[in-house]
């Protein structure tokens, strides 16, 4: 690999950490809401709120990954 490719890979891994953590946290909220031992989450409205929160967390993580880490429009360089 060229030095530029290695540098880009390191930068991507460093920047993608929080994005991936947000996605994992969203998945954990979804699993906890569906499979967790809490009876209050068995209520349909509470389950919908938890699933909406989990979906928002995972969507936010993916959007951060696309627009901040991959930077398809070159916004980081506009400073």
Protein backbone atom coordinates (compact mmCIF):
# COMPACT_ATOMS: atom_id res chain seq x y z
CA UNK A 1 0.00 0.00 0.00
CA UNK A 2 1.11 3.52 -0.65
CA UNK A 3 1.74 5.95 2.20
CA UNK A 4 -1.32 7.98 1.22
CA UNK A 5 -3.55 4.89 1.43
CA UNK A 6 -2.14 3.96 4.83
CA UNK A 7 -2.66 7.50 6.12
CA UNK A 8 -6.24 7.53 4.85
CA UNK A 9 -6.95 4.14 6.45
CA UNK A 10 -5.59 5.30 9.83
CA UNK A 11 -7.57 8.52 9.67
CA UNK A 12 -10.75 6.67 8.71
CA UNK A 13 -10.41 4.21 11.61
CA UNK A 14 -9.72 7.05 14.08
CA UNK A 15 -12.67 9.15 12.88
CA UNK A 16 -15.06 6.22 12.50
CA UNK A 17 -14.77 5.08 16.13
CA UNK A 18 -17.46 7.37 17.57
CA UNK A 19 -19.75 6.68 14.60
CA UNK A 20 -19.47 2.94 15.06
CA UNK A 21 -19.92 3.31 18.83
CA UNK A 22 -23.18 5.19 18.20
CA UNK A 23 -24.39 2.42 15.89
CA UNK A 24 -23.49 -0.26 18.45
CA UNK A 25 -25.21 1.70 21.23
CA UNK A 26 -28.34 1.97 19.10
CA UNK A 27 -28.31 -1.76 18.47
CA UNK A 28 -27.85 -2.38 22.20
CA UNK A 29 -30.85 -0.17 23.01
CA UNK A 30 -32.94 -2.07 20.47
CA UNK A 31 -31.89 -5.45 21.84
CA UNK A 32 -32.45 -4.33 25.42
CA UNK A 33 -35.92 -3.04 24.55
CA UNK A 34 -36.95 -6.24 22.79
CA UNK A 35 -35.16 -8.90 24.81
CA UNK A 36 -34.61 -7.15 28.13
CA UNK A 37 -36.10 -8.26 31.44
CA UNK A 38 -37.97 -4.99 32.02
CA UNK A 39 -41.74 -5.38 32.12
CA UNK A 40 -42.31 -1.68 31.54
CA UNK A 41 -40.79 -2.03 28.06
CA UNK A 42 -43.36 -4.66 27.13
CA UNK A 43 -45.89 -1.87 26.84
CA UNK A 44 -46.35 -1.08 23.14
CA UNK A 45 -45.84 2.68 23.46
CA UNK A 46 -42.64 2.27 25.50
CA UNK A 47 -41.33 -0.25 23.01
CA UNK A 48 -42.03 2.12 20.12
CA UNK A 49 -40.19 4.94 21.87
CA UNK A 50 -37.17 2.72 22.56
CA UNK A 51 -37.10 1.41 19.00
CA UNK A 52 -37.37 4.96 17.63
CA UNK A 53 -34.46 6.01 19.86
CA UNK A 54 -32.40 3.03 18.72
CA UNK A 55 -33.16 3.75 15.07
CA UNK A 56 -32.23 7.39 15.48
CA UNK A 57 -28.94 6.47 17.14
CA UNK A 58 -28.01 4.00 14.42
CA UNK A 59 -29.08 6.38 11.64
CA UNK A 60 -27.05 9.19 13.22
CA UNK A 61 -24.01 6.95 13.41
CA UNK A 62 -24.30 5.95 9.77
CA UNK A 63 -24.85 9.55 8.61
CA UNK A 64 -21.84 10.68 10.66
CA UNK A 65 -19.80 7.93 9.07
CA UNK A 66 -20.82 8.93 5.55
CA UNK A 67 -20.65 12.71 5.81
CA UNK A 68 -17.85 13.22 8.33
CA UNK A 69 -15.47 10.30 7.82
CA UNK A 70 -15.90 9.62 4.10
CA UNK A 71 -16.56 13.33 3.32
CA UNK A 72 -18.06 12.85 -0.17
CA UNK A 73 -18.53 16.60 -0.75
CA UNK A 74 -15.19 17.82 0.58
CA UNK A 75 -16.73 19.89 3.38
CA UNK A 76 -13.82 19.35 5.75
CA UNK A 77 -11.47 21.19 3.42
CA UNK A 78 -13.65 24.31 3.08
CA UNK A 79 -12.67 25.61 6.54
